[in-house]
Structure formats: structure tokens, C-alpha cells
Amino acid sequence: MTTPQNHGATPRLRAAREAAQEVWIAFGGEADQVWLRPLRRGFRHCFAALRDEAGWTVLEPLSGRLVIARLAVASGYDLPGFYRRAGLAVVGPFAPGPARVAWLPALLPFTCVGLCRAVLGAGAPRAVTPWGLFRRLAKILRDDKKKFLTARQY
């Protein structure tokens, strides 16, 4: 299958783009930068972890650079559980959505929240702070669970 985004791509790249992925967003952090101190404690930073059939990839925006790491663990490894045991708040899984279509580029600075929203795609909730993103994502999960639990089975 050749879609416009896959046109001319190698078979390996095409397979990687079409692979099913899950996105988990982790929140935490202390105020290692002065400008982070006004943010809610425990929600001063966020990053994304993506799982596909080959394993885990972590996207972590740090001050001044972006770290992308392919972890040397199996795709069945419980990375969200590891992060929870380390004291981070983790929400997910989410399916990455399609890219946003916009007439103008975003005028906001590149932040950890912006990266996580970009990974989630066009359906990502609007948020400026990690705490705001956490609340909105947790609400989405609660509402989905409630819909699933209250749906009538025929």
C-alpha cells in the first residue's frame, strides 16, 4: 500500500510507519531550573514513551536539547510500571494520532508539553503546563473507561 507519506519509502521504513504504536506520557520532576519553580511540584516536566512491536522509544525534551533513546528492552517490558515505581505519574496508553493541519506554524516555544501533544497528534488536548496536560489526559482515560464499563453488551 502506497500512501502519499509512504511514497518512495523503503519497505523497512514503510513497515515502521505502519506499525501499531502505543504512547505513554510520564510526568514528574523537581525544579532544577529556576523558571520551573512556579509549576506544580511533581508535574514540572513530561516526556513520551512509545511502544511498538520492536520495543520502546523514549522522547525526552531537556533544556537545550531533545533526547531520543531506543531502549534495549523487549516490547513486553512494563516500562510504565517501572516509571510508576520510580515515583512518576504515568498515563496511557494512547494511539498516536494524525499530524495537525494548520495554515500557520505554531508560535509557542518548544516545550515538553508541546512535544507530548505533537506525539499524541491532532486530537491531543490543549494544555500549557504538564499538570494541565496530565489532568486532561487522565480525564480522557476516565471517560473512556466509564463509556466501556457502562456500554450495554448484546
Protein backbone atom coordinates (compact mmCIF):
# COMPACT_ATOMS: atom_id res chain seq x y z
CA MET A 1 0.00 0.00 0.00
CA THR A 2 1.48 3.32 -1.03
CA THR A 3 0.12 6.38 0.69
CA PRO A 4 1.39 9.89 -0.02
CA GLN A 5 3.55 9.81 3.13
CA ASN A 6 4.97 6.39 2.21
CA HIS A 7 5.64 7.13 -1.45
CA GLY A 8 9.25 6.34 -2.26
CA ALA A 9 9.97 4.95 1.22
CA THR A 10 11.95 1.76 1.64
CA PRO A 11 9.98 -1.33 2.70
CA ARG A 12 11.56 -1.19 6.17
CA LEU A 13 10.62 2.49 6.64
CA ARG A 14 7.12 1.84 5.32
CA ALA A 15 6.67 -1.03 7.81
CA ALA A 16 7.90 1.16 10.67
CA ARG A 17 5.43 3.92 9.80
CA GLU A 18 2.51 1.49 9.58
CA ALA A 19 3.32 -0.42 12.80
CA ALA A 20 0.85 -0.12 15.64
CA GLN A 21 2.16 2.08 18.43
CA GLU A 22 1.12 2.96 21.95
CA VAL A 23 2.05 6.25 23.59
CA TRP A 24 2.53 6.66 27.32
CA ILE A 25 3.12 10.10 28.85
CA ALA A 26 5.13 10.32 32.11
CA PHE A 27 5.12 13.32 34.46
CA GLY A 28 7.47 14.29 37.24
CA GLY A 29 10.43 16.43 38.02
CA GLU A 30 11.87 18.77 40.52
CA ALA A 31 12.81 22.41 39.92
CA ASP A 32 16.32 22.07 38.51
CA GLN A 33 15.72 25.29 36.55
CA VAL A 34 14.63 28.48 38.33
CA TRP A 35 11.82 29.13 35.85
CA LEU A 36 10.26 25.71 36.69
CA ARG A 37 9.64 26.55 40.35
CA PRO A 38 6.18 28.12 39.83
CA LEU A 39 4.91 24.86 38.27
CA ARG A 40 3.11 22.29 40.40
CA ARG A 41 5.51 20.03 42.32
CA GLY A 42 5.75 16.59 40.71
CA PHE A 43 4.42 17.98 37.41
CA ARG A 44 7.27 20.19 36.24
CA HIS A 45 8.27 18.00 33.31
CA CYS A 46 6.77 15.42 30.99
CA PHE A 47 8.05 13.08 28.30
CA ALA A 48 6.71 10.42 25.95
CA ALA A 49 7.45 6.71 25.69
CA LEU A 50 6.34 4.90 22.55
CA ARG A 51 5.94 1.14 22.31
CA ASP A 52 5.81 -0.74 19.04
CA GLU A 53 6.37 -4.36 18.11
CA ALA A 54 10.17 -3.90 18.23
CA GLY A 55 10.40 -2.28 21.68
CA TRP A 56 10.39 1.10 23.42
CA THR A 57 11.47 4.57 22.28
CA VAL A 58 11.65 7.46 24.75
CA LEU A 59 11.35 11.10 23.62
CA GLU A 60 12.63 13.42 26.33
CA PRO A 61 12.89 17.18 25.78
CA LEU A 62 15.54 18.58 28.08
CA SER A 63 16.68 22.17 28.50
CA GLY A 64 18.51 22.95 25.29
CA ARG A 65 18.22 19.57 23.57
CA LEU A 66 15.96 16.67 22.66
CA VAL A 67 16.96 13.15 23.72
CA ILE A 68 15.57 10.26 21.69
CA ALA A 69 16.55 6.84 23.00
CA ARG A 70 15.68 3.36 21.77
CA LEU A 71 15.76 1.25 24.93
CA ALA A 72 17.40 -2.16 24.98
CA VAL A 73 14.34 -3.87 26.48
CA ALA A 74 11.68 -6.08 24.90
CA SER A 75 8.36 -4.61 23.81
CA GLY A 76 6.67 -6.66 26.54
CA TYR A 77 8.68 -4.93 29.27
CA ASP A 78 6.48 -2.92 31.67
CA LEU A 79 8.16 0.47 31.19
CA PRO A 80 5.13 2.44 32.52
CA GLY A 81 5.26 0.28 35.67
CA PHE A 82 8.98 1.00 36.01
CA TYR A 83 8.30 4.74 35.79
CA ARG A 84 5.47 4.48 38.35
CA ARG A 85 7.77 2.61 40.77
CA ALA A 86 10.30 5.42 40.27
CA GLY A 87 7.70 7.92 41.51
CA LEU A 88 6.46 9.36 38.20
CA ALA A 89 2.81 9.78 37.25
CA VAL A 90 2.09 7.89 34.02
CA VAL A 91 -0.99 7.98 31.78
CA GLY A 92 -1.74 5.87 28.76
CA PRO A 93 -1.85 4.02 26.52
CA PHE A 94 -2.91 6.32 23.72
CA ALA A 95 -2.72 5.73 19.99
CA PRO A 96 -0.68 8.39 18.21
CA GLY A 97 -2.98 10.44 16.04
CA PRO A 98 -2.53 12.10 12.69
CA ALA A 99 -0.50 15.28 12.34
CA ARG A 100 -2.16 18.64 12.82
CA VAL A 101 -3.07 20.58 9.73
CA ALA A 102 -2.56 24.30 10.20
CA TRP A 103 -2.29 27.34 7.97
CA LEU A 104 0.40 28.92 10.12
CA PRO A 105 3.20 27.39 12.18
CA ALA A 106 2.80 27.24 15.94
CA LEU A 107 4.06 30.37 17.64
CA LEU A 108 4.61 28.75 21.03
CA PRO A 109 8.12 27.83 22.20
CA PHE A 110 9.22 24.19 22.11
CA THR A 111 8.37 22.67 25.49
CA CYS A 112 7.92 19.22 26.96
CA VAL A 113 4.14 19.68 26.79
CA GLY A 114 4.37 20.71 23.13
CA LEU A 115 6.39 17.60 22.31
CA CYS A 116 3.94 15.29 24.08
CA ARG A 117 0.99 16.95 22.33
CA ALA A 118 2.77 16.58 18.98
CA VAL A 119 3.31 12.85 19.62
CA LEU A 120 -0.36 12.43 20.52
CA GLY A 121 -1.37 14.16 17.28
CA ALA A 122 -4.26 16.37 16.25
CA GLY A 123 -6.61 15.04 18.93
CA ALA A 124 -4.32 15.99 21.81
CA PRO A 125 -5.93 18.15 24.49
CA ARG A 126 -4.87 21.76 24.73
CA ALA A 127 -2.55 22.40 27.65
CA VAL A 128 0.34 24.70 28.50
CA THR A 129 1.72 23.08 31.67
CA PRO A 130 2.49 19.44 32.47
CA TRP A 131 -0.18 19.48 35.22
CA GLY A 132 -2.80 20.72 32.75
CA LEU A 133 -1.88 18.01 30.24
CA PHE A 134 -1.97 15.34 32.96
CA ARG A 135 -5.45 16.39 34.13
CA ARG A 136 -6.87 16.39 30.60
CA LEU A 137 -5.31 13.05 29.63
CA ALA A 138 -6.44 11.42 32.88
CA LYS A 139 -9.98 12.71 32.24
CA ILE A 140 -9.94 11.21 28.74
CA LEU A 141 -8.92 7.83 30.18
CA ARG A 142 -11.59 8.02 32.93
CA ASP A 143 -14.30 8.93 30.42
CA ASP A 144 -13.25 6.14 28.04
CA LYS A 145 -13.25 3.63 30.88
CA LYS A 146 -16.66 4.84 32.04
CA LYS A 147 -18.06 4.50 28.50
CA PHE A 148 -16.64 1.00 28.23
CA LEU A 149 -17.97 -0.10 31.63
CA THR A 150 -21.46 1.33 31.07
CA ALA A 151 -21.88 0.15 27.46
CA ARG A 152 -24.57 -2.49 27.10
CA GLN A 153 -23.43 -5.82 25.80
CA TYR A 154 -25.92 -7.57 23.47
